[in-house]
Amino acid sequence: MLIWTTRFSRKKAVLTVIAMGLVMVVLILLAGRTEPGNSSAQLVLTDNSQRVEYLRSLGWEVSGEPVETLQFLLPEKLEEPYLSYNELQLSQGFDLTTCLGKQLERYTYAVTNYPGRPEGVQVNLYICEDYPVAGDICCPGAGGFQAGLAFPEECA
């Protein structure tokens, strides 16, 4: 058996309480800096003008209003085609797994400045709880493609 004794003056008690309080304040401040989900200084896109401005900040010129909007529930578990689509999203810093089982909104805009294609190109932007969680540039139909949101570097 080990018995440990120490003298604990009023001054030491006060200093200990102050030190513990400072440690708690620092922990609370650090915890407040982290956001849930995929947070890398997350952008909040609550309305159409913010979504359009976000796409323009990436280099895209888009129609002022979406050509299509869609709301859907993301499944609790990703299966195809979501698994393949999430690979594209992971390559550009998004991750659909942060929204499993949640409501998503897809906003589709016509792109007017895709290099070499003056029409027929669209951008899809997926929003979950006002945060962008996925997106792509696509050209549906024959000779179509799908790519990430980054403006093509060779054309910038």
C-alpha atoms as a PDB file:
ATOM      1  CA  MET A   1       0.000   0.000   0.000  1.00  0.00           C
ATOM      2  CA  LEU A   2       1.255   3.439  -0.904  1.00  0.00           C
ATOM      3  CA  ILE A   3       0.186   6.524   0.952  1.00  0.00           C
ATOM      4  CA  TRP A   4       0.995   9.898  -0.457  1.00  0.00           C
ATOM      5  CA  THR A   5       0.581  13.096   1.465  1.00  0.00           C
ATOM      6  CA  THR A   6       1.202  16.665   0.552  1.00  0.00           C
ATOM      7  CA  ARG A   7       0.623  20.067   1.988  1.00  0.00           C
ATOM      8  CA  PHE A   8      -1.981  21.965   0.105  1.00  0.00           C
ATOM      9  CA  SER A   9      -2.142  25.605   1.016  1.00  0.00           C
ATOM     10  CA  ARG A  10      -4.917  27.975   0.081  1.00  0.00           C
ATOM     11  CA  LYS A  11      -2.576  29.612  -2.474  1.00  0.00           C
ATOM     12  CA  LYS A  12      -1.879  26.251  -4.188  1.00  0.00           C
ATOM     13  CA  ALA A  13      -5.600  25.457  -4.243  1.00  0.00           C
ATOM     14  CA  VAL A  14      -6.437  28.763  -5.921  1.00  0.00           C
ATOM     15  CA  LEU A  15      -3.632  28.355  -8.480  1.00  0.00           C
ATOM     16  CA  THR A  16      -4.788  24.798  -9.244  1.00  0.00           C
ATOM     17  CA  VAL A  17      -8.380  25.933  -9.808  1.00  0.00           C
ATOM     18  CA  ILE A  18      -7.213  28.779 -12.073  1.00  0.00           C
ATOM     19  CA  ALA A  19      -4.954  26.430 -14.059  1.00  0.00           C
ATOM     20  CA  MET A  20      -7.769  23.907 -14.504  1.00  0.00           C
ATOM     21  CA  GLY A  21     -10.106  26.695 -15.611  1.00  0.00           C
ATOM     22  CA  LEU A  22      -7.608  27.885 -18.225  1.00  0.00           C
ATOM     23  CA  VAL A  23      -7.193  24.347 -19.545  1.00  0.00           C
ATOM     24  CA  MET A  24     -10.980  24.014 -19.856  1.00  0.00           C
ATOM     25  CA  VAL A  25     -11.266  27.353 -21.679  1.00  0.00           C
ATOM     26  CA  VAL A  26      -8.554  26.326 -24.153  1.00  0.00           C
ATOM     27  CA  LEU A  27     -10.269  22.978 -24.789  1.00  0.00           C
ATOM     28  CA  ILE A  28     -13.624  24.668 -25.353  1.00  0.00           C
ATOM     29  CA  LEU A  29     -12.085  27.154 -27.785  1.00  0.00           C
ATOM     30  CA  LEU A  30     -10.330  24.396 -29.713  1.00  0.00           C
ATOM     31  CA  ALA A  31     -13.505  22.321 -29.865  1.00  0.00           C
ATOM     32  CA  GLY A  32     -15.405  25.338 -31.205  1.00  0.00           C
ATOM     33  CA  ARG A  33     -12.974  25.673 -34.109  1.00  0.00           C
ATOM     34  CA  THR A  34     -13.835  22.273 -35.581  1.00  0.00           C
ATOM     35  CA  GLU A  35     -17.042  21.829 -37.543  1.00  0.00           C
ATOM     36  CA  PRO A  36     -18.882  18.549 -37.956  1.00  0.00           C
ATOM     37  CA  GLY A  37     -18.854  16.750 -41.279  1.00  0.00           C
ATOM     38  CA  ASN A  38     -16.445  17.583 -44.044  1.00  0.00           C
ATOM     39  CA  SER A  39     -15.284  20.974 -42.961  1.00  0.00           C
ATOM     40  CA  SER A  40     -12.539  22.835 -44.632  1.00  0.00           C
ATOM     41  CA  ALA A  41     -13.711  26.354 -43.947  1.00  0.00           C
ATOM     42  CA  GLN A  42     -17.135  25.359 -45.249  1.00  0.00           C
ATOM     43  CA  LEU A  43     -19.063  27.666 -47.489  1.00  0.00           C
ATOM     44  CA  VAL A  44     -22.716  28.211 -46.614  1.00  0.00           C
ATOM     45  CA  LEU A  45     -24.898  28.446 -49.721  1.00  0.00           C
ATOM     46  CA  THR A  46     -28.397  29.336 -48.573  1.00  0.00           C
ATOM     47  CA  ASP A  47     -29.788  30.956 -51.716  1.00  0.00           C
ATOM     48  CA  ASN A  48     -29.473  31.000 -55.481  1.00  0.00           C
ATOM     49  CA  SER A  49     -27.232  34.070 -55.682  1.00  0.00           C
ATOM     50  CA  GLN A  50     -24.700  32.442 -53.329  1.00  0.00           C
ATOM     51  CA  ARG A  51     -24.719  29.235 -55.395  1.00  0.00           C
ATOM     52  CA  VAL A  52     -24.209  31.161 -58.643  1.00  0.00           C
ATOM     53  CA  GLU A  53     -21.413  33.233 -57.079  1.00  0.00           C
ATOM     54  CA  TYR A  54     -19.712  30.055 -55.816  1.00  0.00           C
ATOM     55  CA  LEU A  55     -19.763  28.538 -59.315  1.00  0.00           C
ATOM     56  CA  ARG A  56     -18.443  31.791 -60.798  1.00  0.00           C
ATOM     57  CA  SER A  57     -15.622  31.787 -58.245  1.00  0.00           C
ATOM     58  CA  LEU A  58     -14.586  28.434 -59.749  1.00  0.00           C
ATOM     59  CA  GLY A  59     -14.430  30.036 -63.215  1.00  0.00           C
ATOM     60  CA  TRP A  60     -17.818  28.979 -64.579  1.00  0.00           C
ATOM     61  CA  GLU A  61     -20.307  31.298 -66.204  1.00  0.00           C
ATOM     62  CA  VAL A  62     -23.757  29.883 -65.547  1.00  0.00           C
ATOM     63  CA  SER A  63     -27.373  30.789 -66.144  1.00  0.00           C
ATOM     64  CA  GLY A  64     -28.826  33.000 -63.436  1.00  0.00           C
ATOM     65  CA  GLU A  65     -31.421  30.423 -62.405  1.00  0.00           C
ATOM     66  CA  PRO A  66     -31.152  26.643 -62.221  1.00  0.00           C
ATOM     67  CA  VAL A  67     -32.603  24.751 -65.176  1.00  0.00           C
ATOM     68  CA  GLU A  68     -33.573  21.966 -62.772  1.00  0.00           C
ATOM     69  CA  THR A  69     -33.800  21.420 -59.031  1.00  0.00           C
ATOM     70  CA  LEU A  70     -34.253  18.100 -57.335  1.00  0.00           C
ATOM     71  CA  GLN A  71     -34.557  16.977 -53.721  1.00  0.00           C
ATOM     72  CA  PHE A  72     -33.786  13.425 -52.688  1.00  0.00           C
ATOM     73  CA  LEU A  73     -32.808  11.333 -49.700  1.00  0.00           C
ATOM     74  CA  LEU A  74     -29.283   9.920 -49.816  1.00  0.00           C
ATOM     75  CA  PRO A  75     -29.332   6.257 -48.717  1.00  0.00           C
ATOM     76  CA  GLU A  76     -27.872   5.169 -45.363  1.00  0.00           C
ATOM     77  CA  LYS A  77     -25.250   3.146 -47.267  1.00  0.00           C
ATOM     78  CA  LEU A  78     -23.605   4.115 -50.546  1.00  0.00           C
ATOM     79  CA  GLU A  79     -24.047   1.647 -53.388  1.00  0.00           C
ATOM     80  CA  GLU A  80     -23.615   2.087 -57.129  1.00  0.00           C
ATOM     81  CA  PRO A  81     -23.913   4.582 -58.776  1.00  0.00           C
ATOM     82  CA  TYR A  82     -23.208   6.639 -55.633  1.00  0.00           C
ATOM     83  CA  LEU A  83     -19.941   4.787 -54.903  1.00  0.00           C
ATOM     84  CA  SER A  84     -18.429   5.682 -58.277  1.00  0.00           C
ATOM     85  CA  TYR A  85     -19.734   9.225 -58.055  1.00  0.00           C
ATOM     86  CA  ASN A  86     -18.235   9.643 -54.583  1.00  0.00           C
ATOM     87  CA  GLU A  87     -14.792   8.719 -55.971  1.00  0.00           C
ATOM     88  CA  LEU A  88     -15.007  11.824 -58.180  1.00  0.00           C
ATOM     89  CA  GLN A  89     -16.149  13.852 -55.172  1.00  0.00           C
ATOM     90  CA  LEU A  90     -13.301  12.622 -52.963  1.00  0.00           C
ATOM     91  CA  SER A  91     -10.801  13.733 -55.622  1.00  0.00           C
ATOM     92  CA  GLN A  92     -12.090  17.308 -55.305  1.00  0.00           C
ATOM     93  CA  GLY A  93     -12.413  17.500 -51.524  1.00  0.00           C
ATOM     94  CA  PHE A  94     -16.056  16.507 -51.078  1.00  0.00           C
ATOM     95  CA  ASP A  95     -17.403  13.342 -49.457  1.00  0.00           C
ATOM     96  CA  LEU A  96     -20.973  12.119 -49.734  1.00  0.00           C
ATOM     97  CA  THR A  97     -20.550   9.810 -46.738  1.00  0.00           C
ATOM     98  CA  THR A  98     -20.935  12.834 -44.466  1.00  0.00           C
ATOM     99  CA  CYS A  99     -24.568  13.077 -45.642  1.00  0.00           C
ATOM    100  CA  LEU A 100     -25.722   9.471 -45.467  1.00  0.00           C
ATOM    101  CA  GLY A 101     -29.446   9.289 -44.730  1.00  0.00           C
ATOM    102  CA  LYS A 102     -29.905  13.036 -45.186  1.00  0.00           C
ATOM    103  CA  GLN A 103     -31.895  15.169 -47.615  1.00  0.00           C
ATOM    104  CA  LEU A 104     -29.871  16.583 -50.528  1.00  0.00           C
ATOM    105  CA  GLU A 105     -30.785  19.205 -53.090  1.00  0.00           C
ATOM    106  CA  ARG A 106     -29.345  19.145 -56.586  1.00  0.00           C
ATOM    107  CA  TYR A 107     -29.217  22.396 -58.514  1.00  0.00           C
ATOM    108  CA  THR A 108     -28.441  22.101 -62.228  1.00  0.00           C
ATOM    109  CA  TYR A 109     -27.272  25.191 -64.119  1.00  0.00           C
ATOM    110  CA  ALA A 110     -26.475  25.674 -67.811  1.00  0.00           C
ATOM    111  CA  VAL A 111     -22.780  26.419 -68.341  1.00  0.00           C
ATOM    112  CA  THR A 112     -22.123  29.057 -71.005  1.00  0.00           C
ATOM    113  CA  ASN A 113     -18.316  29.163 -71.052  1.00  0.00           C
ATOM    114  CA  TYR A 114     -17.131  25.547 -71.335  1.00  0.00           C
ATOM    115  CA  PRO A 115     -14.115  25.595 -73.689  1.00  0.00           C
ATOM    116  CA  GLY A 116     -15.035  24.285 -77.140  1.00  0.00           C
ATOM    117  CA  ARG A 117     -18.691  23.693 -76.256  1.00  0.00           C
ATOM    118  CA  PRO A 118     -20.850  26.816 -76.313  1.00  0.00           C
ATOM    119  CA  GLU A 119     -23.971  24.876 -75.282  1.00  0.00           C
ATOM    120  CA  GLY A 120     -25.131  21.574 -73.846  1.00  0.00           C
ATOM    121  CA  VAL A 121     -22.864  21.621 -70.769  1.00  0.00           C
ATOM    122  CA  GLN A 122     -24.349  21.658 -67.288  1.00  0.00           C
ATOM    123  CA  VAL A 123     -23.075  21.945 -63.742  1.00  0.00           C
ATOM    124  CA  ASN A 124     -24.692  20.013 -60.904  1.00  0.00           C
ATOM    125  CA  LEU A 125     -24.271  21.321 -57.384  1.00  0.00           C
ATOM    126  CA  TYR A 126     -25.387  19.164 -54.452  1.00  0.00           C
ATOM    127  CA  ILE A 127     -26.283  20.899 -51.190  1.00  0.00           C
ATOM    128  CA  CYS A 128     -26.870  19.288 -47.800  1.00  0.00           C
ATOM    129  CA  GLU A 129     -27.971  21.502 -44.902  1.00  0.00           C
ATOM    130  CA  ASP A 130     -26.816  24.621 -46.835  1.00  0.00           C
ATOM    131  CA  TYR A 131     -23.300  23.221 -47.423  1.00  0.00           C
ATOM    132  CA  PRO A 132     -21.942  22.153 -50.831  1.00  0.00           C
ATOM    133  CA  VAL A 133     -21.224  18.432 -50.577  1.00  0.00           C
ATOM    134  CA  ALA A 134     -20.744  17.401 -54.215  1.00  0.00           C
ATOM    135  CA  GLY A 135     -20.701  18.734 -57.728  1.00  0.00           C
ATOM    136  CA  ASP A 136     -19.796  17.983 -61.312  1.00  0.00           C
ATOM    137  CA  ILE A 137     -19.627  19.393 -64.812  1.00  0.00           C
ATOM    138  CA  CYS A 138     -21.337  17.205 -67.366  1.00  0.00           C
ATOM    139  CA  CYS A 139     -22.432  17.065 -70.953  1.00  0.00           C
ATOM    140  CA  PRO A 140     -25.241  14.546 -71.305  1.00  0.00           C
ATOM    141  CA  GLY A 141     -25.837  12.562 -74.468  1.00  0.00           C
ATOM    142  CA  ALA A 142     -23.575  11.223 -77.213  1.00  0.00           C
ATOM    143  CA  GLY A 143     -19.973  12.365 -76.830  1.00  0.00           C
ATOM    144  CA  GLY A 144     -20.779  13.487 -73.307  1.00  0.00           C
ATOM    145  CA  PHE A 145     -18.559  13.590 -70.253  1.00  0.00           C
ATOM    146  CA  GLN A 146     -18.549  14.109 -66.519  1.00  0.00           C
ATOM    147  CA  ALA A 147     -15.776  15.893 -64.608  1.00  0.00           C
ATOM    148  CA  GLY A 148     -15.106  17.680 -61.338  1.00  0.00           C
ATOM    149  CA  LEU A 149     -15.993  21.302 -60.672  1.00  0.00           C
ATOM    150  CA  ALA A 150     -12.504  22.688 -61.327  1.00  0.00           C
ATOM    151  CA  PHE A 151     -12.252  24.796 -64.467  1.00  0.00           C
ATOM    152  CA  PRO A 152     -10.027  22.963 -67.008  1.00  0.00           C
ATOM    153  CA  GLU A 153      -6.453  24.184 -66.358  1.00  0.00           C
ATOM    154  CA  GLU A 154      -5.387  24.069 -69.977  1.00  0.00           C
ATOM    155  CA  CYS A 155      -8.163  26.555 -70.733  1.00  0.00           C
ATOM    156  CA  ALA A 156      -7.818  28.884 -67.755  1.00  0.00           C
END
